[in-house]
Amino acid sequence: MSFLQEFSNEFEQEAQTTRKMLSIVPDDKYDWRPHEKSMSIRQLATHIGELPSWIKMTMTTDELNFANNPYNPVQVNNTSDLMTYFENNLREGREYLKEEYEGQIDKNWTLRSGETVYSVRPKKDVLRMCLSQTIHHRAQLGVFLRLLNIPIPGSYGPSADEGFL
């Protein structure tokens, strides 16, 4: 099995879990944050929703230079819009996990801001980082929602809210 086939399988499984978590964000909590240094739920959920779009960026470019491409996240205001955004980015990401892109995965991809280089890694490692970012931020969102007493869906089995403990 090729790297992109394996990655695509994992991507789809994580998408199911991410979908469950994003779908329970309450519309009236988008501005809530647990601490002044934390992202708001809006910022966090939007970032999770955009992460599948990083697949296209990784596979079609050789770098991201924040000096030329300042971060301007999409503004979502409710869970319906969030889910539409996530599903659209999933669809787009899937298009770049096809066999025709397998020859790209060992090429280097650079993350920088002007002359400051943060990382240079093969594209397959960047794809892995994109998935890791999704998992990391999804767990962070789970903590935010837990603090709001919102029942959490299971990720890799049932959660405490589903009778696990």
N, C-alpha and C. Protein backbone atom coordinates (compact mmCIF):
# COMPACT_ATOMS: atom_id res chain seq x y z
N MET A 1 0.85 -1.18 0.00
CA MET A 1 0.00 0.00 0.00
C MET A 1 0.89 1.24 0.00
N SER A 2 0.55 2.23 -0.79
CA SER A 2 1.36 3.45 -0.88
C SER A 2 1.15 4.31 0.37
N PHE A 3 2.06 5.25 0.57
CA PHE A 3 1.93 6.17 1.70
C PHE A 3 0.60 6.89 1.66
N LEU A 4 0.24 7.44 0.49
CA LEU A 4 -0.99 8.22 0.41
C LEU A 4 -2.24 7.36 0.64
N GLN A 5 -2.21 6.10 0.25
CA GLN A 5 -3.34 5.21 0.55
C GLN A 5 -3.47 5.00 2.06
N GLU A 6 -2.34 4.71 2.70
CA GLU A 6 -2.35 4.53 4.15
C GLU A 6 -2.79 5.80 4.86
N PHE A 7 -2.22 6.91 4.44
CA PHE A 7 -2.56 8.19 5.06
C PHE A 7 -4.03 8.52 4.86
N SER A 8 -4.53 8.26 3.67
CA SER A 8 -5.94 8.53 3.38
C SER A 8 -6.86 7.72 4.29
N ASN A 9 -6.52 6.48 4.54
CA ASN A 9 -7.32 5.65 5.45
C ASN A 9 -7.36 6.26 6.85
N GLU A 10 -6.21 6.65 7.34
CA GLU A 10 -6.16 7.27 8.68
C GLU A 10 -6.87 8.61 8.69
N PHE A 11 -6.69 9.38 7.64
CA PHE A 11 -7.35 10.68 7.49
C PHE A 11 -8.87 10.53 7.59
N GLU A 12 -9.41 9.52 6.93
CA GLU A 12 -10.86 9.29 6.95
C GLU A 12 -11.34 8.89 8.34
N GLN A 13 -10.59 8.05 9.02
CA GLN A 13 -10.99 7.67 10.38
C GLN A 13 -10.97 8.86 11.33
N GLU A 14 -9.93 9.66 11.23
CA GLU A 14 -9.85 10.84 12.10
C GLU A 14 -10.92 11.87 11.73
N ALA A 15 -11.28 11.94 10.47
CA ALA A 15 -12.34 12.86 10.04
C ALA A 15 -13.66 12.51 10.71
N GLN A 16 -13.95 11.23 10.86
CA GLN A 16 -15.19 10.81 11.52
C GLN A 16 -15.22 11.29 12.97
N THR A 17 -14.11 11.14 13.66
CA THR A 17 -14.03 11.56 15.05
C THR A 17 -14.09 13.08 15.15
N THR A 18 -13.40 13.76 14.26
CA THR A 18 -13.41 15.22 14.26
C THR A 18 -14.81 15.75 13.98
N ARG A 19 -15.50 15.14 13.06
CA ARG A 19 -16.88 15.53 12.72
C ARG A 19 -17.77 15.45 13.96
N LYS A 20 -17.64 14.36 14.71
CA LYS A 20 -18.46 14.21 15.93
C LYS A 20 -18.18 15.34 16.92
N MET A 21 -16.92 15.70 17.09
CA MET A 21 -16.55 16.73 18.06
C MET A 21 -17.00 18.12 17.59
N LEU A 22 -16.77 18.44 16.34
CA LEU A 22 -17.17 19.76 15.84
C LEU A 22 -18.69 19.93 15.86
N SER A 23 -19.41 18.86 15.64
CA SER A 23 -20.87 18.96 15.51
C SER A 23 -21.57 19.30 16.82
N ILE A 24 -20.87 19.19 17.95
CA ILE A 24 -21.53 19.47 19.24
C ILE A 24 -21.16 20.83 19.81
N VAL A 25 -20.42 21.66 19.06
CA VAL A 25 -20.08 22.99 19.56
C VAL A 25 -21.37 23.83 19.61
N PRO A 26 -21.73 24.32 20.79
CA PRO A 26 -22.97 25.10 20.90
C PRO A 26 -22.84 26.48 20.24
N ASP A 27 -23.84 26.87 19.50
CA ASP A 27 -23.82 28.15 18.80
C ASP A 27 -23.61 29.34 19.74
N ASP A 28 -24.03 29.22 20.98
CA ASP A 28 -23.93 30.36 21.90
C ASP A 28 -22.60 30.40 22.67
N LYS A 29 -21.65 29.53 22.32
CA LYS A 29 -20.37 29.48 23.04
C LYS A 29 -19.17 29.82 22.15
N TYR A 30 -19.39 30.35 20.98
CA TYR A 30 -18.29 30.59 20.05
C TYR A 30 -17.26 31.60 20.56
N ASP A 31 -17.67 32.51 21.43
CA ASP A 31 -16.73 33.50 21.96
C ASP A 31 -16.11 33.08 23.29
N TRP A 32 -16.51 31.94 23.82
CA TRP A 32 -16.01 31.48 25.12
C TRP A 32 -14.57 31.01 25.00
N ARG A 33 -13.81 31.29 26.04
CA ARG A 33 -12.43 30.78 26.16
C ARG A 33 -12.18 30.50 27.63
N PRO A 34 -11.42 29.43 27.93
CA PRO A 34 -11.21 29.07 29.33
C PRO A 34 -10.21 29.96 30.06
N HIS A 35 -9.42 30.70 29.30
CA HIS A 35 -8.37 31.54 29.88
C HIS A 35 -8.07 32.65 28.89
N GLU A 36 -7.62 33.77 29.38
CA GLU A 36 -7.35 34.91 28.50
C GLU A 36 -6.29 34.62 27.43
N LYS A 37 -5.39 33.68 27.70
CA LYS A 37 -4.36 33.33 26.72
C LYS A 37 -4.81 32.22 25.76
N SER A 38 -5.98 31.65 26.02
CA SER A 38 -6.51 30.58 25.17
C SER A 38 -7.22 31.16 23.96
N MET A 39 -7.28 30.35 22.91
CA MET A 39 -8.13 30.70 21.78
C MET A 39 -9.59 30.61 22.22
N SER A 40 -10.44 31.34 21.51
CA SER A 40 -11.87 31.17 21.73
C SER A 40 -12.29 29.85 21.07
N ILE A 41 -13.46 29.36 21.43
CA ILE A 41 -13.97 28.16 20.76
C ILE A 41 -14.08 28.41 19.26
N ARG A 42 -14.48 29.61 18.87
CA ARG A 42 -14.58 29.95 17.44
C ARG A 42 -13.23 29.77 16.76
N GLN A 43 -12.17 30.34 17.34
CA GLN A 43 -10.84 30.25 16.74
C GLN A 43 -10.37 28.80 16.66
N LEU A 44 -10.57 28.08 17.75
CA LEU A 44 -10.11 26.70 17.81
C LEU A 44 -10.89 25.80 16.84
N ALA A 45 -12.20 25.90 16.86
CA ALA A 45 -13.02 25.06 15.99
C ALA A 45 -12.79 25.40 14.51
N THR A 46 -12.63 26.68 14.21
CA THR A 46 -12.35 27.08 12.83
C THR A 46 -11.01 26.52 12.37
N HIS A 47 -10.02 26.57 13.25
CA HIS A 47 -8.71 26.03 12.91
C HIS A 47 -8.80 24.53 12.64
N ILE A 48 -9.52 23.81 13.48
CA ILE A 48 -9.72 22.38 13.25
C ILE A 48 -10.41 22.15 11.91
N GLY A 49 -11.41 22.96 11.63
CA GLY A 49 -12.15 22.83 10.37
C GLY A 49 -11.32 23.13 9.13
N GLU A 50 -10.31 23.96 9.28
CA GLU A 50 -9.48 24.32 8.12
C GLU A 50 -8.34 23.34 7.88
N LEU A 51 -7.95 22.58 8.88
CA LEU A 51 -6.75 21.75 8.75
C LEU A 51 -6.76 20.80 7.55
N PRO A 52 -7.88 20.22 7.15
CA PRO A 52 -7.82 19.39 5.93
C PRO A 52 -7.40 20.17 4.68
N SER A 53 -7.57 21.49 4.69
CA SER A 53 -7.15 22.30 3.53
C SER A 53 -5.64 22.38 3.43
N TRP A 54 -4.94 22.07 4.50
CA TRP A 54 -3.48 22.09 4.47
C TRP A 54 -2.93 21.00 3.56
N ILE A 55 -3.73 19.98 3.29
CA ILE A 55 -3.27 18.91 2.39
C ILE A 55 -3.02 19.48 1.00
N LYS A 56 -3.96 20.24 0.49
CA LYS A 56 -3.77 20.84 -0.84
C LYS A 56 -2.56 21.76 -0.83
N MET A 57 -2.45 22.61 0.20
CA MET A 57 -1.33 23.54 0.27
C MET A 57 -0.01 22.77 0.26
N THR A 58 0.05 21.71 1.03
CA THR A 58 1.28 20.93 1.12
C THR A 58 1.63 20.28 -0.21
N MET A 59 0.63 19.72 -0.86
CA MET A 59 0.89 18.97 -2.09
C MET A 59 1.08 19.86 -3.32
N THR A 60 0.66 21.12 -3.26
CA THR A 60 0.73 21.98 -4.45
C THR A 60 1.72 23.13 -4.32
N THR A 61 2.38 23.25 -3.15
CA THR A 61 3.37 24.31 -2.97
C THR A 61 4.63 23.71 -2.37
N ASP A 62 5.68 24.52 -2.33
CA ASP A 62 6.93 24.08 -1.72
C ASP A 62 7.18 24.76 -0.38
N GLU A 63 6.33 25.75 -0.04
CA GLU A 63 6.51 26.43 1.23
C GLU A 63 5.31 27.27 1.59
N LEU A 64 5.26 27.63 2.86
CA LEU A 64 4.34 28.65 3.35
C LEU A 64 5.21 29.70 4.00
N ASN A 65 5.12 30.92 3.49
CA ASN A 65 5.88 32.04 4.02
C ASN A 65 4.87 33.02 4.62
N PHE A 66 4.81 33.06 5.95
CA PHE A 66 3.84 33.94 6.61
C PHE A 66 4.07 35.41 6.28
N ALA A 67 5.30 35.77 5.90
CA ALA A 67 5.58 37.16 5.53
C ALA A 67 4.79 37.56 4.28
N ASN A 68 4.56 36.61 3.38
CA ASN A 68 3.81 36.87 2.14
C ASN A 68 2.36 36.42 2.23
N ASN A 69 2.04 35.59 3.21
CA ASN A 69 0.70 35.00 3.35
C ASN A 69 0.25 35.09 4.80
N PRO A 70 -0.15 36.29 5.24
CA PRO A 70 -0.59 36.39 6.64
C PRO A 70 -1.82 35.50 6.88
N TYR A 71 -1.91 35.00 8.08
CA TYR A 71 -3.00 34.10 8.45
C TYR A 71 -4.29 34.90 8.61
N ASN A 72 -5.28 34.59 7.80
CA ASN A 72 -6.59 35.23 7.85
C ASN A 72 -7.66 34.15 7.90
N PRO A 73 -7.98 33.67 9.09
CA PRO A 73 -8.95 32.57 9.18
C PRO A 73 -10.35 32.99 8.74
N VAL A 74 -11.08 32.03 8.24
CA VAL A 74 -12.49 32.23 7.90
C VAL A 74 -13.24 32.48 9.20
N GLN A 75 -14.23 33.33 9.15
CA GLN A 75 -15.05 33.62 10.33
C GLN A 75 -16.31 32.75 10.29
N VAL A 76 -16.43 31.85 11.25
CA VAL A 76 -17.67 31.06 11.37
C VAL A 76 -18.40 31.53 12.63
N ASN A 77 -19.71 31.51 12.57
CA ASN A 77 -20.50 32.02 13.68
C ASN A 77 -21.47 31.01 14.25
N ASN A 78 -21.53 29.83 13.63
CA ASN A 78 -22.44 28.80 14.14
C ASN A 78 -21.95 27.44 13.66
N THR A 79 -22.49 26.42 14.27
CA THR A 79 -22.01 25.07 14.00
C THR A 79 -22.40 24.59 12.61
N SER A 80 -23.51 25.06 12.10
CA SER A 80 -23.89 24.68 10.73
C SER A 80 -22.83 25.17 9.74
N ASP A 81 -22.42 26.42 9.88
CA ASP A 81 -21.38 26.97 9.00
C ASP A 81 -20.04 26.27 9.23
N LEU A 82 -19.75 25.95 10.48
CA LEU A 82 -18.51 25.24 10.80
C LEU A 82 -18.47 23.89 10.11
N MET A 83 -19.57 23.17 10.17
CA MET A 83 -19.61 21.84 9.56
C MET A 83 -19.50 21.92 8.03
N THR A 84 -20.13 22.90 7.44
CA THR A 84 -20.01 23.11 5.99
C THR A 84 -18.56 23.39 5.62
N TYR A 85 -17.92 24.25 6.39
CA TYR A 85 -16.51 24.60 6.16
C TYR A 85 -15.63 23.35 6.27
N PHE A 86 -15.82 22.59 7.33
CA PHE A 86 -15.04 21.36 7.54
C PHE A 86 -15.26 20.37 6.40
N GLU A 87 -16.50 20.12 6.03
CA GLU A 87 -16.80 19.14 4.98
C GLU A 87 -16.22 19.58 3.64
N ASN A 88 -16.28 20.87 3.33
CA ASN A 88 -15.68 21.37 2.09
C ASN A 88 -14.17 21.17 2.09
N ASN A 89 -13.54 21.42 3.22
CA ASN A 89 -12.08 21.23 3.31
C ASN A 89 -11.71 19.76 3.25
N LEU A 90 -12.55 18.90 3.84
CA LEU A 90 -12.32 17.45 3.71
C LEU A 90 -12.36 17.02 2.25
N ARG A 91 -13.38 17.46 1.55
CA ARG A 91 -13.52 17.09 0.13
C ARG A 91 -12.30 17.54 -0.66
N GLU A 92 -11.87 18.77 -0.42
CA GLU A 92 -10.71 19.29 -1.13
C GLU A 92 -9.45 18.50 -0.76
N GLY A 93 -9.26 18.23 0.51
CA GLY A 93 -8.07 17.49 0.95
C GLY A 93 -7.99 16.11 0.31
N ARG A 94 -9.12 15.44 0.23
CA ARG A 94 -9.14 14.09 -0.37
C ARG A 94 -8.62 14.09 -1.81
N GLU A 95 -8.86 15.17 -2.53
CA GLU A 95 -8.43 15.26 -3.93
C GLU A 95 -6.92 15.19 -4.09
N TYR A 96 -6.19 15.49 -3.03
CA TYR A 96 -4.73 15.53 -3.11
C TYR A 96 -4.09 14.32 -2.41
N LEU A 97 -4.91 13.34 -2.08
CA LEU A 97 -4.40 12.11 -1.49
C LEU A 97 -4.48 10.96 -2.48
N LYS A 98 -4.51 11.29 -3.74
CA LYS A 98 -4.61 10.29 -4.81
C LYS A 98 -3.23 9.88 -5.28
N GLU A 99 -3.17 8.71 -5.91
CA GLU A 99 -1.91 8.13 -6.39
C GLU A 99 -1.09 9.10 -7.24
N GLU A 100 -1.75 9.95 -7.99
CA GLU A 100 -1.01 10.86 -8.88
C GLU A 100 -0.09 11.81 -8.11
N TYR A 101 -0.32 11.97 -6.81
CA TYR A 101 0.51 12.86 -6.01
C TYR A 101 1.59 12.12 -5.23
N GLU A 102 1.64 10.82 -5.34
CA GLU A 102 2.61 10.02 -4.58
C GLU A 102 4.05 10.47 -4.85
N GLY A 103 4.34 10.90 -6.06
CA GLY A 103 5.69 11.35 -6.40
C GLY A 103 6.10 12.64 -5.72
N GLN A 104 5.16 13.33 -5.09
CA GLN A 104 5.46 14.60 -4.41
C GLN A 104 5.89 14.42 -2.96
N ILE A 105 5.57 13.28 -2.36
CA ILE A 105 5.65 13.18 -0.90
C ILE A 105 7.05 13.24 -0.31
N ASP A 106 8.07 12.97 -1.10
CA ASP A 106 9.43 13.03 -0.58
C ASP A 106 10.10 14.38 -0.84
N LYS A 107 9.42 15.26 -1.54
CA LYS A 107 9.97 16.60 -1.80
C LYS A 107 9.85 17.44 -0.54
N ASN A 108 10.84 18.30 -0.32
CA ASN A 108 10.83 19.14 0.87
C ASN A 108 9.79 20.25 0.78
N TRP A 109 9.26 20.59 1.94
CA TRP A 109 8.30 21.68 2.10
C TRP A 109 8.80 22.52 3.27
N THR A 110 8.77 23.84 3.11
CA THR A 110 9.35 24.76 4.09
C THR A 110 8.27 25.63 4.72
N LEU A 111 8.37 25.79 6.02
CA LEU A 111 7.52 26.74 6.77
C LEU A 111 8.44 27.85 7.24
N ARG A 112 8.07 29.09 6.90
CA ARG A 112 8.94 30.22 7.22
C ARG A 112 8.13 31.49 7.43
N SER A 113 8.82 32.49 7.95
CA SER A 113 8.32 33.85 7.97
C SER A 113 9.49 34.72 7.55
N GLY A 114 9.46 35.13 6.29
CA GLY A 114 10.60 35.86 5.75
C GLY A 114 11.84 34.99 5.75
N GLU A 115 12.89 35.50 6.34
CA GLU A 115 14.16 34.77 6.40
C GLU A 115 14.21 33.74 7.53
N THR A 116 13.25 33.81 8.44
CA THR A 116 13.22 32.87 9.57
C THR A 116 12.55 31.58 9.12
N VAL A 117 13.33 30.50 9.11
CA VAL A 117 12.82 29.20 8.70
C VAL A 117 12.48 28.40 9.95
N TYR A 118 11.22 27.96 10.02
CA TYR A 118 10.76 27.16 11.15
C TYR A 118 11.00 25.67 10.93
N SER A 119 10.79 25.23 9.71
CA SER A 119 11.04 23.82 9.42
C SER A 119 11.17 23.58 7.93
N VAL A 120 11.92 22.56 7.60
CA VAL A 120 12.04 22.04 6.24
C VAL A 120 11.90 20.53 6.39
N ARG A 121 10.82 19.99 5.82
CA ARG A 121 10.55 18.55 5.98
C ARG A 121 9.97 18.00 4.68
N PRO A 122 10.10 16.71 4.48
CA PRO A 122 9.42 16.11 3.34
C PRO A 122 7.90 16.29 3.47
N LYS A 123 7.24 16.42 2.35
CA LYS A 123 5.80 16.64 2.35
C LYS A 123 5.04 15.55 3.10
N LYS A 124 5.52 14.33 3.06
CA LYS A 124 4.81 13.28 3.80
C LYS A 124 4.85 13.56 5.29
N ASP A 125 5.93 14.14 5.80
CA ASP A 125 6.01 14.51 7.21
C ASP A 125 5.09 15.69 7.52
N VAL A 126 4.94 16.59 6.58
CA VAL A 126 4.04 17.73 6.76
C VAL A 126 2.59 17.23 6.80
N LEU A 127 2.25 16.28 5.94
CA LEU A 127 0.90 15.69 5.99
C LEU A 127 0.65 15.05 7.34
N ARG A 128 1.62 14.34 7.86
CA ARG A 128 1.49 13.71 9.18
C ARG A 128 1.29 14.78 10.24
N MET A 129 2.05 15.89 10.14
CA MET A 129 1.90 16.98 11.10
C MET A 129 0.50 17.59 11.02
N CYS A 130 -0.06 17.69 9.82
CA CYS A 130 -1.42 18.22 9.66
C CYS A 130 -2.42 17.34 10.41
N LEU A 131 -2.27 16.05 10.29
CA LEU A 131 -3.16 15.13 10.98
C LEU A 131 -2.94 15.21 12.49
N SER A 132 -1.69 15.30 12.89
CA SER A 132 -1.38 15.44 14.32
C SER A 132 -1.97 16.73 14.89
N GLN A 133 -1.92 17.79 14.12
CA GLN A 133 -2.52 19.06 14.54
C GLN A 133 -4.02 18.90 14.75
N THR A 134 -4.66 18.19 13.86
CA THR A 134 -6.10 17.95 13.99
C THR A 134 -6.39 17.21 15.29
N ILE A 135 -5.67 16.15 15.55
CA ILE A 135 -5.88 15.34 16.74
C ILE A 135 -5.61 16.17 18.00
N HIS A 136 -4.52 16.91 17.99
CA HIS A 136 -4.15 17.75 19.13
C HIS A 136 -5.23 18.78 19.43
N HIS A 137 -5.63 19.52 18.42
CA HIS A 137 -6.61 20.58 18.64
C HIS A 137 -8.00 20.03 18.91
N ARG A 138 -8.32 18.88 18.38
CA ARG A 138 -9.60 18.23 18.68
C ARG A 138 -9.66 17.89 20.17
N ALA A 139 -8.56 17.38 20.72
CA ALA A 139 -8.50 17.08 22.15
C ALA A 139 -8.62 18.36 22.97
N GLN A 140 -7.99 19.40 22.51
CA GLN A 140 -8.09 20.70 23.18
C GLN A 140 -9.55 21.17 23.20
N LEU A 141 -10.23 21.02 22.07
CA LEU A 141 -11.64 21.39 22.01
C LEU A 141 -12.46 20.53 22.98
N GLY A 142 -12.11 19.27 23.09
CA GLY A 142 -12.80 18.40 24.04
C GLY A 142 -12.69 18.91 25.47
N VAL A 143 -11.52 19.42 25.84
CA VAL A 143 -11.34 20.00 27.18
C VAL A 143 -12.21 21.24 27.32
N PHE A 144 -12.22 22.10 26.31
CA PHE A 144 -13.06 23.31 26.37
C PHE A 144 -14.51 22.91 26.59
N LEU A 145 -14.99 21.94 25.81
CA LEU A 145 -16.39 21.53 25.91
C LEU A 145 -16.66 20.87 27.26
N ARG A 146 -15.72 20.09 27.76
CA ARG A 146 -15.88 19.46 29.08
C ARG A 146 -16.05 20.54 30.15
N LEU A 147 -15.25 21.60 30.06
CA LEU A 147 -15.35 22.70 31.03
C LEU A 147 -16.72 23.39 30.97
N LEU A 148 -17.39 23.26 29.85
CA LEU A 148 -18.75 23.81 29.69
C LEU A 148 -19.83 22.78 30.01
N ASN A 149 -19.42 21.62 30.53
CA ASN A 149 -20.36 20.53 30.87
C ASN A 149 -21.12 19.99 29.67
N ILE A 150 -20.47 19.97 28.53
CA ILE A 150 -21.06 19.41 27.32
C ILE A 150 -20.56 17.97 27.19
N PRO A 151 -21.45 16.99 27.08
CA PRO A 151 -21.01 15.59 26.95
C PRO A 151 -20.12 15.41 25.72
N ILE A 152 -19.04 14.69 25.92
CA ILE A 152 -18.01 14.51 24.89
C ILE A 152 -18.19 13.15 24.21
N PRO A 153 -18.17 13.13 22.87
CA PRO A 153 -18.23 11.84 22.17
C PRO A 153 -16.90 11.11 22.29
N GLY A 154 -16.92 9.81 22.16
CA GLY A 154 -15.70 9.02 22.19
C GLY A 154 -14.84 9.27 20.96
N SER A 155 -13.55 9.06 21.13
CA SER A 155 -12.62 9.21 20.02
C SER A 155 -12.16 7.85 19.52
N TYR A 156 -11.60 7.05 20.40
CA TYR A 156 -11.06 5.74 20.03
C TYR A 156 -11.76 4.64 20.84
N GLY A 157 -12.97 4.90 21.16
CA GLY A 157 -13.81 4.06 22.00
C GLY A 157 -14.76 4.98 22.73
N PRO A 158 -15.60 4.45 23.58
CA PRO A 158 -16.58 5.30 24.26
C PRO A 158 -15.91 6.27 25.24
N SER A 159 -16.55 7.41 25.42
CA SER A 159 -16.08 8.40 26.40
C SER A 159 -16.76 8.13 27.73
N ALA A 160 -16.35 8.84 28.76
CA ALA A 160 -17.00 8.73 30.08
C ALA A 160 -18.48 9.10 29.98
N ASP A 161 -18.82 9.99 29.06
CA ASP A 161 -20.21 10.40 28.88
C ASP A 161 -21.05 9.32 28.19
N GLU A 162 -20.38 8.39 27.55
CA GLU A 162 -21.07 7.30 26.87
C GLU A 162 -21.06 6.03 27.70
N GLY A 163 -20.70 6.16 28.98
CA GLY A 163 -20.76 5.03 29.87
C GLY A 163 -19.49 4.22 29.96
N PHE A 164 -18.38 4.77 29.52
CA PHE A 164 -17.12 4.03 29.54
C PHE A 164 -16.63 3.82 30.98
N LEU A 165 -16.70 4.87 31.79
CA LEU A 165 -16.20 4.77 33.17
C LEU A 165 -17.33 4.57 34.14
